[in-house]
Amino acid sequence: MGAVANIVIVGGGAGGMEIATKLGRKLGRKGKAKITLIDCADSHIWKPLLHEVATGALDIGIDAISYRGHAAAHGYHFQQGAMTDIDREHKQVILAPIQDDKGNELLPARRIDYDYLVLAIGSIANDFNIPGVREHCVFLDNTQQAMQIRTMLLNKFMRYASHHQLDDKIKIAVVGAGATGVEMSAEMHHAVEQLSGFGYKIDTSLLEVTLIEADSRILPKVEKHEISQAVTNQLNQIGVRVMTNTRIDRVDENALHTCDGQSIASDMTIWSTGVKAPDFMGEIGGLESNQINQVMVNPNMQTTRDPHIFAIGDCAACPQPDGSWVPPRGQSARQMALMTADNICLMLAGQAPSKEYLYKDLGSLVNLSKFHTVGNLMSFVGGGVLVEGKIARFVYTSLYRRHLIELHGIFKGTLLMFAKGISRIIHPHLKLH
């Protein structure tokens, strides 16, 4: 290892951005290490906002953060590209060539040297190998997919408005009633109202949204059943059809078919159920992984087969003292990121990476567009406290504010939140998060 260590972070989600920012400020600016962040995209969008990108409620021109600009301001470097493999023998990350829309190579395959590597790839929806899902459903795992959904929705709405097909409804099916699926279902109705505001002759009566969940209730990972019931009631009020205890057996172009023989018509199906790490992560570089491609790590976030490689967030399988595993949550990814930064600093100082991650559920919040916000805070203390309405909305907004402060500092983060608020006053069809 040279005098200055190369620390490479793959994945620019919330966890990857926060660890790159922390290490950049602490080490990169002072010349104590070279920090490099790698991501397929050129800008960062906070993942809980993707459903708003998909419906047009959020303008990525306002909320996206340029990796290159942020890197220059915070002491780290940025490389755009997709990781395909890890050469552990030579300590290199292998990136795929970058091509334009026509398949022409813009940049050849590259190898990025590392002394310490952090995998922060995140997760994607799990299709569970159900026939037709990959061919006929759309997903909401990244900004590109969110923009694809936005285009598809806009095209369907405009086609409806231009042809005045008043007898036909646009049928949208959302499979998976976790937070993403629930928020997406509510946001659909808001999207129709926004387009109406631009002069399109459409209203929410044209939209038929069906939310499908295999479990006996929506938000099955949320411990408090009161939250699930409150959200179900609100979805019913705004016209979302909620189907629980419903398992999908196959999907075709115009319908979903259930295991009990039902057929659910759909003009567009959004698949948001299940979590797994991307398929290429399975045993990448000879690292140990589980059945959903998560990299196996020790409680200090070091991978089980290589102490110089860490994994954090949804792509990591981290054991807990009670035999359970850390759930794929945004709060755990953030906490893992900040702790891993500390452990890498310890290793650079010649000490053992002694900090270990213990998950504490800080709660869950679900935001139903403009209609309602409900959640549970401090779940690890006596089951937590149920909040809803304006208080829940304030806390929900505060999560994004905290993310901006982590990335930009207190002064600039607060200033950005203020600027975003002003932009939505000027452009009221955009919704503040």
Protein backbone atom coordinates (compact mmCIF):
# COMPACT_ATOMS: atom_id res chain seq x y z
CA MET A 1 0.00 0.00 0.00
CA GLY A 2 1.29 3.43 -0.93
CA ALA A 3 1.55 6.44 1.32
CA VAL A 4 -1.89 7.60 0.24
CA ALA A 5 -4.61 4.93 0.31
CA ASN A 6 -7.16 4.56 -2.50
CA ILE A 7 -10.65 4.23 -1.05
CA VAL A 8 -13.24 3.31 -3.68
CA ILE A 9 -17.00 3.39 -3.09
CA VAL A 10 -19.27 1.72 -5.65
CA GLY A 11 -22.81 3.03 -5.61
CA GLY A 12 -23.99 6.61 -5.23
CA GLY A 13 -27.19 6.10 -3.30
CA ALA A 14 -27.78 7.64 0.12
CA GLY A 15 -25.26 5.36 1.85
CA GLY A 16 -22.59 5.66 -0.83
CA MET A 17 -22.93 9.43 -1.05
CA GLU A 18 -22.75 9.90 2.72
CA ILE A 19 -19.64 7.74 3.18
CA ALA A 20 -17.92 9.44 0.21
CA THR A 21 -18.79 12.85 1.63
CA LYS A 22 -17.60 12.00 5.15
CA LEU A 23 -14.32 10.47 3.97
CA GLY A 24 -13.79 13.23 1.42
CA ARG A 25 -14.07 15.91 4.05
CA LYS A 26 -12.03 14.04 6.65
CA LEU A 27 -9.32 12.51 4.45
CA GLY A 28 -9.58 13.64 0.83
CA ARG A 29 -9.39 17.37 1.45
CA LYS A 30 -6.33 16.88 3.64
CA GLY A 31 -4.52 14.64 1.16
CA LYS A 32 -4.60 11.70 3.57
CA ALA A 33 -6.38 9.41 1.10
CA LYS A 34 -7.83 9.44 -2.41
CA ILE A 35 -11.58 8.86 -2.30
CA THR A 36 -13.36 7.74 -5.50
CA LEU A 37 -17.12 7.29 -5.91
CA ILE A 38 -18.37 5.17 -8.83
CA ASP A 39 -21.95 5.16 -10.13
CA CYS A 40 -23.76 4.39 -13.39
CA ALA A 41 -25.63 7.70 -13.38
CA ASP A 42 -24.21 11.22 -13.38
CA SER A 43 -26.42 12.56 -10.59
CA HIS A 44 -27.92 11.50 -7.27
CA ILE A 45 -31.61 11.39 -6.40
CA TRP A 46 -32.69 10.35 -2.91
CA LYS A 47 -34.36 6.97 -3.53
CA PRO A 48 -37.52 7.67 -1.46
CA LEU A 49 -38.27 10.43 -4.00
CA LEU A 50 -38.28 8.13 -7.05
CA HIS A 51 -42.04 7.59 -7.02
CA GLU A 52 -42.45 11.37 -7.28
CA VAL A 53 -40.03 11.48 -10.21
CA ALA A 54 -42.12 8.75 -11.86
CA THR A 55 -45.38 10.70 -11.60
CA GLY A 56 -43.94 14.11 -12.41
CA ALA A 57 -44.47 15.49 -8.90
CA LEU A 58 -40.75 16.16 -8.61
CA ASP A 59 -38.41 17.83 -11.07
CA ILE A 60 -35.01 16.12 -11.16
CA GLY A 61 -33.57 19.39 -12.41
CA ILE A 62 -34.26 20.80 -8.94
CA ASP A 63 -33.56 17.82 -6.69
CA ALA A 64 -30.77 15.94 -8.49
CA ILE A 65 -27.23 16.41 -7.17
CA SER A 66 -24.40 16.26 -9.71
CA TYR A 67 -21.80 13.72 -8.59
CA ARG A 68 -18.99 15.60 -10.29
CA GLY A 69 -19.93 18.95 -8.80
CA HIS A 70 -20.47 17.49 -5.34
CA ALA A 71 -17.19 15.55 -5.52
CA ALA A 72 -15.23 18.68 -6.42
CA ALA A 73 -16.74 20.53 -3.46
CA HIS A 74 -16.25 17.78 -0.88
CA GLY A 75 -12.81 16.30 -1.45
CA TYR A 76 -13.49 13.14 -3.43
CA HIS A 77 -13.38 12.05 -7.09
CA PHE A 78 -16.15 10.66 -9.30
CA GLN A 79 -16.01 8.02 -12.04
CA GLN A 80 -19.12 7.20 -14.04
CA GLY A 81 -19.52 3.55 -14.93
CA ALA A 82 -21.04 0.19 -14.09
CA MET A 83 -19.03 -2.32 -12.06
CA THR A 84 -18.91 -5.76 -13.66
CA ASP A 85 -16.39 -7.56 -11.44
CA ILE A 86 -13.77 -7.25 -8.71
CA ASP A 87 -10.19 -8.42 -9.25
CA ARG A 88 -9.25 -9.09 -5.64
CA GLU A 89 -5.76 -10.36 -6.51
CA HIS A 90 -4.78 -7.01 -8.03
CA LYS A 91 -7.19 -4.97 -5.90
CA GLN A 92 -9.05 -3.49 -8.84
CA VAL A 93 -12.68 -2.74 -9.65
CA ILE A 94 -13.57 -3.54 -13.27
CA LEU A 95 -15.97 -1.17 -15.03
CA ALA A 96 -17.91 -1.90 -18.21
CA PRO A 97 -17.41 0.21 -21.35
CA ILE A 98 -19.65 3.26 -21.67
CA GLN A 99 -21.71 3.39 -24.86
CA ASP A 100 -24.03 5.93 -26.45
CA ASP A 101 -27.67 5.25 -27.38
CA LYS A 102 -26.57 3.69 -30.68
CA GLY A 103 -24.11 1.28 -29.08
CA ASN A 104 -20.99 3.20 -30.02
CA GLU A 105 -18.23 2.94 -27.43
CA LEU A 106 -17.50 6.25 -25.74
CA LEU A 107 -15.15 4.95 -23.08
CA PRO A 108 -13.49 1.50 -22.95
CA ALA A 109 -13.59 -0.86 -19.99
CA ARG A 110 -11.54 0.47 -17.09
CA ARG A 111 -9.83 -0.84 -13.98
CA ILE A 112 -9.85 1.30 -10.83
CA ASP A 113 -7.24 0.53 -8.16
CA TYR A 114 -8.32 0.31 -4.53
CA ASP A 115 -6.78 -0.32 -1.13
CA TYR A 116 -10.16 -0.27 0.56
CA LEU A 117 -13.40 -0.96 -1.31
CA VAL A 118 -16.95 -0.20 -0.15
CA LEU A 119 -19.86 -1.85 -1.98
CA ALA A 120 -22.99 0.30 -1.69
CA ILE A 121 -24.87 -1.00 -4.71
CA GLY A 122 -28.33 -0.97 -3.10
CA SER A 123 -31.13 -3.30 -4.13
CA ILE A 124 -33.65 -3.96 -6.87
CA ALA A 125 -37.16 -5.44 -6.84
CA ASN A 126 -37.28 -9.23 -6.78
CA ASP A 127 -39.26 -10.84 -9.62
CA PHE A 128 -39.13 -14.24 -7.86
CA ASN A 129 -38.76 -15.80 -11.34
CA ILE A 130 -42.49 -15.31 -11.95
CA PRO A 131 -43.20 -15.74 -15.68
CA GLY A 132 -43.77 -12.49 -17.54
CA VAL A 133 -42.65 -10.07 -14.83
CA ARG A 134 -39.42 -8.99 -16.51
CA GLU A 135 -41.09 -8.79 -19.93
CA HIS A 136 -44.31 -6.94 -19.04
CA CYS A 137 -43.70 -4.96 -15.84
CA VAL A 138 -41.87 -1.74 -15.14
CA PHE A 139 -39.67 -1.22 -12.09
CA LEU A 140 -38.76 1.69 -9.82
CA ASP A 141 -35.19 0.94 -8.78
CA ASN A 142 -33.41 3.98 -10.24
CA THR A 143 -33.92 7.39 -11.83
CA GLN A 144 -33.83 6.02 -15.38
CA GLN A 145 -36.71 3.65 -14.62
CA ALA A 146 -38.64 6.42 -12.87
CA MET A 147 -38.34 8.58 -15.97
CA GLN A 148 -39.50 5.65 -18.11
CA ILE A 149 -42.63 5.35 -15.98
CA ARG A 150 -43.19 9.11 -16.22
CA THR A 151 -43.03 8.98 -20.02
CA MET A 152 -45.37 6.00 -20.21
CA LEU A 153 -47.90 7.66 -17.90
CA LEU A 154 -47.78 10.96 -19.76
CA ASN A 155 -48.26 9.22 -23.11
CA LYS A 156 -51.26 7.27 -21.81
CA PHE A 157 -52.86 10.36 -20.29
CA MET A 158 -52.32 12.50 -23.39
CA ARG A 159 -53.66 9.74 -25.65
CA TYR A 160 -56.74 9.59 -23.48
CA ALA A 161 -57.18 13.37 -23.49
CA SER A 162 -56.79 13.65 -27.27
CA HIS A 163 -59.15 10.79 -28.13
CA HIS A 164 -61.71 11.53 -25.38
CA GLN A 165 -62.09 7.83 -24.59
CA LEU A 166 -64.48 8.56 -21.76
CA ASP A 167 -65.75 4.99 -21.54
CA ASP A 168 -62.31 3.50 -21.00
CA LYS A 169 -60.22 3.75 -17.85
CA ILE A 170 -56.47 3.63 -17.60
CA LYS A 171 -55.75 0.61 -15.43
CA ILE A 172 -52.59 0.76 -13.33
CA ALA A 173 -51.54 -2.20 -11.17
CA VAL A 174 -48.91 -1.83 -8.45
CA VAL A 175 -47.56 -5.12 -7.12
CA GLY A 176 -46.09 -4.94 -3.64
CA ALA A 177 -47.62 -2.87 -0.83
CA GLY A 178 -44.48 -1.85 0.99
CA ALA A 179 -43.79 1.86 1.39
CA THR A 180 -42.81 2.33 -2.27
CA GLY A 181 -45.91 0.60 -3.65
CA VAL A 182 -48.25 2.38 -1.25
CA GLU A 183 -46.78 5.82 -1.95
CA MET A 184 -46.76 5.17 -5.70
CA SER A 185 -50.45 4.23 -5.65
CA ALA A 186 -51.41 7.45 -3.89
CA GLU A 187 -49.14 9.55 -6.09
CA MET A 188 -50.92 8.35 -9.25
CA HIS A 189 -54.03 10.35 -8.38
CA HIS A 190 -51.93 13.43 -7.70
CA ALA A 191 -50.33 13.04 -11.13
CA VAL A 192 -53.76 13.20 -12.81
CA GLU A 193 -54.60 16.40 -10.93
CA GLN A 194 -51.33 17.97 -12.04
CA LEU A 195 -51.99 17.22 -15.70
CA SER A 196 -55.50 18.63 -15.35
CA GLY A 197 -53.90 21.84 -14.12
CA PHE A 198 -51.98 22.06 -17.40
CA GLY A 199 -55.23 22.02 -19.40
CA TYR A 200 -55.61 18.32 -20.20
CA LYS A 201 -59.25 17.20 -20.12
CA ILE A 202 -58.75 14.39 -17.65
CA ASP A 203 -59.63 13.74 -14.03
CA THR A 204 -59.10 11.04 -11.43
CA SER A 205 -62.22 9.18 -12.57
CA LEU A 206 -60.29 7.94 -15.60
CA LEU A 207 -57.74 6.16 -13.40
CA GLU A 208 -58.17 2.72 -11.88
CA VAL A 209 -55.30 1.93 -9.52
CA THR A 210 -55.02 -1.53 -7.97
CA LEU A 211 -52.51 -2.20 -5.19
CA ILE A 212 -51.71 -5.91 -4.83
CA GLU A 213 -50.07 -7.52 -1.80
CA ALA A 214 -49.37 -11.21 -1.08
CA ASP A 215 -49.45 -10.66 2.68
CA SER A 216 -52.60 -10.38 4.76
CA ARG A 217 -52.14 -6.58 5.08
CA ILE A 218 -50.36 -3.76 3.34
CA LEU A 219 -47.09 -2.49 4.83
CA PRO A 220 -46.40 -5.99 6.22
CA LYS A 221 -42.92 -5.02 7.49
CA VAL A 222 -44.35 -2.27 9.70
CA GLU A 223 -44.94 -3.70 13.15
CA LYS A 224 -47.87 -1.50 14.17
CA HIS A 225 -51.04 -2.81 12.52
CA GLU A 226 -52.72 0.55 13.23
CA ILE A 227 -50.50 2.16 10.59
CA SER A 228 -51.42 -0.46 8.03
CA GLN A 229 -55.13 -0.01 8.73
CA ALA A 230 -54.92 3.80 8.66
CA VAL A 231 -53.14 3.73 5.31
CA THR A 232 -55.62 1.18 3.91
CA ASN A 233 -58.52 3.43 4.89
CA GLN A 234 -56.90 6.45 3.26
CA LEU A 235 -56.17 4.56 0.04
CA ASN A 236 -59.79 3.42 -0.11
CA GLN A 237 -60.94 7.01 0.32
CA ILE A 238 -58.93 8.24 -2.65
CA GLY A 239 -60.11 5.38 -4.83
CA VAL A 240 -57.23 2.91 -4.77
CA ARG A 241 -58.38 -0.70 -4.90
CA VAL A 242 -56.43 -2.69 -2.30
CA MET A 243 -56.07 -6.45 -2.75
CA THR A 244 -54.32 -8.41 0.01
CA ASN A 245 -53.69 -12.18 0.26
CA THR A 246 -53.17 -12.05 -3.50
CA ARG A 247 -50.20 -13.83 -5.08
CA ILE A 248 -49.28 -13.32 -8.71
CA ASP A 249 -48.68 -16.48 -10.71
CA ARG A 250 -47.82 -14.92 -14.08
CA VAL A 251 -48.04 -11.66 -15.98
CA ASP A 252 -48.90 -11.02 -19.60
CA GLU A 253 -49.20 -7.87 -21.69
CA ASN A 254 -52.67 -6.87 -20.51
CA ALA A 255 -53.27 -8.65 -17.21
CA LEU A 256 -51.91 -10.21 -14.05
CA HIS A 257 -52.98 -13.73 -13.19
CA THR A 258 -53.18 -14.83 -9.56
CA CYS A 259 -52.51 -18.19 -7.97
CA ASP A 260 -56.21 -18.60 -7.16
CA GLY A 261 -57.31 -18.07 -10.78
CA GLN A 262 -58.20 -14.36 -10.82
CA SER A 263 -57.29 -12.12 -13.72
CA ILE A 264 -56.53 -8.43 -13.03
CA ALA A 265 -56.58 -6.22 -16.12
CA SER A 266 -53.70 -3.76 -16.36
CA ASP A 267 -52.51 -1.25 -18.93
CA MET A 268 -49.31 -0.76 -16.96
CA THR A 269 -47.93 -2.88 -14.11
CA ILE A 270 -45.38 -1.46 -11.68
CA TRP A 271 -43.48 -4.20 -9.85
CA SER A 272 -42.26 -3.03 -6.42
CA THR A 273 -42.29 -6.18 -4.33
CA GLY A 274 -39.38 -8.07 -2.81
CA VAL A 275 -35.79 -6.99 -2.36
CA LYS A 276 -32.57 -8.47 -3.68
CA ALA A 277 -29.15 -7.24 -4.64
CA PRO A 278 -28.55 -7.08 -8.42
CA ASP A 279 -27.83 -10.46 -10.00
CA PHE A 280 -24.23 -9.58 -10.92
CA MET A 281 -23.46 -9.24 -7.19
CA GLY A 282 -23.89 -12.95 -6.56
CA GLU A 283 -20.39 -14.20 -5.53
CA ILE A 284 -18.76 -11.23 -7.27
CA GLY A 285 -14.98 -11.42 -6.95
CA GLY A 286 -15.35 -14.70 -5.06
CA LEU A 287 -17.03 -12.96 -2.11
CA GLU A 288 -19.55 -14.91 -0.05
CA SER A 289 -23.19 -14.08 -0.83
CA ASN A 290 -26.67 -15.35 0.07
CA GLN A 291 -29.61 -16.48 -2.05
CA ILE A 292 -30.68 -12.90 -2.84
CA ASN A 293 -27.16 -11.87 -3.92
CA GLN A 294 -26.35 -9.89 -0.77
CA VAL A 295 -22.68 -9.91 0.20
CA MET A 296 -22.09 -11.56 3.56
CA VAL A 297 -20.45 -9.22 6.06
CA ASN A 298 -19.33 -9.24 9.68
CA PRO A 299 -20.95 -6.79 12.14
CA ASN A 300 -18.13 -4.29 11.43
CA MET A 301 -19.26 -4.39 7.75
CA GLN A 302 -16.10 -6.12 6.49
CA THR A 303 -16.92 -8.88 4.00
CA THR A 304 -16.39 -12.38 5.35
CA ARG A 305 -13.70 -13.26 2.79
CA ASP A 306 -11.78 -10.01 2.42
CA PRO A 307 -11.06 -7.53 5.24
CA HIS A 308 -10.27 -4.76 2.74
CA ILE A 309 -13.73 -4.93 1.17
CA PHE A 310 -16.80 -3.61 2.99
CA ALA A 311 -20.47 -3.79 2.00
CA ILE A 312 -23.25 -1.57 3.33
CA GLY A 313 -26.97 -1.09 2.90
CA ASP A 314 -29.35 -3.32 0.97
CA CYS A 315 -26.55 -5.22 -0.82
CA ALA A 316 -25.10 -6.43 2.51
CA ALA A 317 -26.24 -9.31 4.73
CA CYS A 318 -25.28 -8.19 8.22
CA PRO A 319 -25.93 -10.54 11.19
CA GLN A 320 -27.29 -9.37 14.52
CA PRO A 321 -26.66 -10.80 18.02
CA ASP A 322 -30.15 -12.35 18.21
CA GLY A 323 -29.58 -14.34 15.00
CA SER A 324 -31.60 -12.00 12.78
CA TRP A 325 -30.34 -9.93 9.85
CA VAL A 326 -30.39 -6.17 9.38
CA PRO A 327 -33.46 -5.33 7.25
CA PRO A 328 -33.04 -3.43 3.96
CA ARG A 329 -33.97 0.04 5.21
CA GLY A 330 -32.73 3.49 4.33
CA GLN A 331 -31.98 4.24 7.96
CA SER A 332 -29.72 1.19 8.30
CA ALA A 333 -27.84 2.05 5.08
CA ARG A 334 -27.10 5.53 6.36
CA GLN A 335 -25.98 4.30 9.79
CA MET A 336 -23.81 1.60 8.24
CA ALA A 337 -22.19 4.16 5.93
CA LEU A 338 -21.16 6.52 8.71
CA MET A 339 -19.89 3.67 10.89
CA THR A 340 -17.92 2.10 8.03
CA ALA A 341 -16.22 5.44 7.39
CA ASP A 342 -15.07 5.38 11.02
CA ASN A 343 -13.80 1.79 10.70
CA ILE A 344 -11.78 2.62 7.57
CA CYS A 345 -10.22 5.57 9.40
CA LEU A 346 -9.28 3.20 12.23
CA MET A 347 -7.61 0.82 9.78
CA LEU A 348 -5.68 3.67 8.18
CA ALA A 349 -4.42 4.52 11.66
CA GLY A 350 -3.21 0.94 12.13
CA GLN A 351 -6.05 -0.06 14.46
CA ALA A 352 -8.69 -2.79 14.24
CA PRO A 353 -12.08 -1.83 12.73
CA SER A 354 -13.77 -2.28 16.08
CA LYS A 355 -17.12 -0.55 15.56
CA GLU A 356 -19.98 -3.03 15.04
CA TYR A 357 -23.44 -2.30 13.69
CA LEU A 358 -26.45 -2.90 15.92
CA TYR A 359 -29.76 -2.16 14.23
CA LYS A 360 -32.36 -0.12 16.09
CA ASP A 361 -35.64 0.51 14.33
CA LEU A 362 -36.17 4.26 14.47
CA GLY A 363 -39.61 3.90 12.95
CA SER A 364 -41.44 4.02 9.64
CA LEU A 365 -43.23 6.85 7.84
CA VAL A 366 -45.51 6.58 4.84
CA ASN A 367 -46.46 9.66 2.83
CA LEU A 368 -49.61 9.40 0.72
CA SER A 369 -48.90 12.30 -1.62
CA LYS A 370 -50.90 15.38 -0.53
CA PHE A 371 -53.53 13.27 1.19
CA HIS A 372 -52.03 12.02 4.44
CA THR A 373 -48.83 11.06 6.26
CA VAL A 374 -48.71 8.40 8.95
CA GLY A 375 -45.98 6.52 10.77
CA ASN A 376 -44.34 5.19 13.87
CA LEU A 377 -41.34 6.76 15.60
CA MET A 378 -38.72 5.21 17.88
CA SER A 379 -40.01 1.67 17.33
CA PHE A 380 -37.26 0.17 19.50
CA VAL A 381 -38.66 1.92 22.60
CA GLY A 382 -41.77 0.16 23.82
CA GLY A 383 -43.19 -0.27 20.33
CA GLY A 384 -42.81 3.39 19.41
CA VAL A 385 -45.19 6.31 19.05
CA LEU A 386 -47.89 6.55 16.38
CA VAL A 387 -47.88 9.89 14.51
CA GLU A 388 -49.96 11.19 11.64
CA GLY A 389 -51.01 14.34 9.88
CA LYS A 390 -48.91 17.48 10.08
CA ILE A 391 -46.52 16.12 12.71
CA ALA A 392 -45.80 13.02 10.63
CA ARG A 393 -45.44 15.17 7.53
CA PHE A 394 -42.91 17.40 9.29
CA VAL A 395 -40.84 14.40 10.40
CA TYR A 396 -41.03 12.87 6.91
CA THR A 397 -39.76 16.10 5.36
CA SER A 398 -37.04 16.29 8.03
CA LEU A 399 -35.57 12.99 6.79
CA TYR A 400 -34.77 14.58 3.45
CA ARG A 401 -33.51 17.72 5.17
CA ARG A 402 -31.13 15.60 7.24
CA HIS A 403 -29.87 13.87 4.10
CA LEU A 404 -29.12 17.23 2.48
CA ILE A 405 -27.33 18.42 5.63
CA GLU A 406 -25.17 15.27 5.62
CA LEU A 407 -24.20 15.93 2.00
CA HIS A 408 -23.81 19.71 2.09
CA GLY A 409 -23.37 20.76 5.70
CA ILE A 410 -25.84 22.57 7.95
CA PHE A 411 -25.72 25.98 6.27
CA LYS A 412 -25.86 24.90 2.62
CA GLY A 413 -28.22 21.97 3.32
CA THR A 414 -30.73 24.27 5.02
CA LEU A 415 -30.31 26.85 2.25
CA LEU A 416 -31.04 24.20 -0.39
CA MET A 417 -34.20 23.12 1.41
CA PHE A 418 -35.30 26.77 1.48
CA ALA A 419 -34.50 27.17 -2.22
CA LYS A 420 -36.45 24.03 -3.12
CA GLY A 421 -39.40 25.37 -1.16
CA ILE A 422 -39.26 28.68 -3.04
CA SER A 423 -39.07 26.85 -6.38
CA ARG A 424 -42.26 24.99 -5.54
CA ILE A 425 -44.01 28.24 -4.67
CA ILE A 426 -43.04 29.55 -8.10
CA HIS A 427 -43.96 26.18 -9.68
CA PRO A 428 -46.84 24.96 -7.48
CA HIS A 429 -47.34 21.74 -9.48
CA LEU A 430 -44.12 20.47 -7.86
CA LYS A 431 -44.40 18.99 -4.39
CA LEU A 432 -41.97 19.65 -1.56
CA HIS A 433 -40.42 16.70 0.22
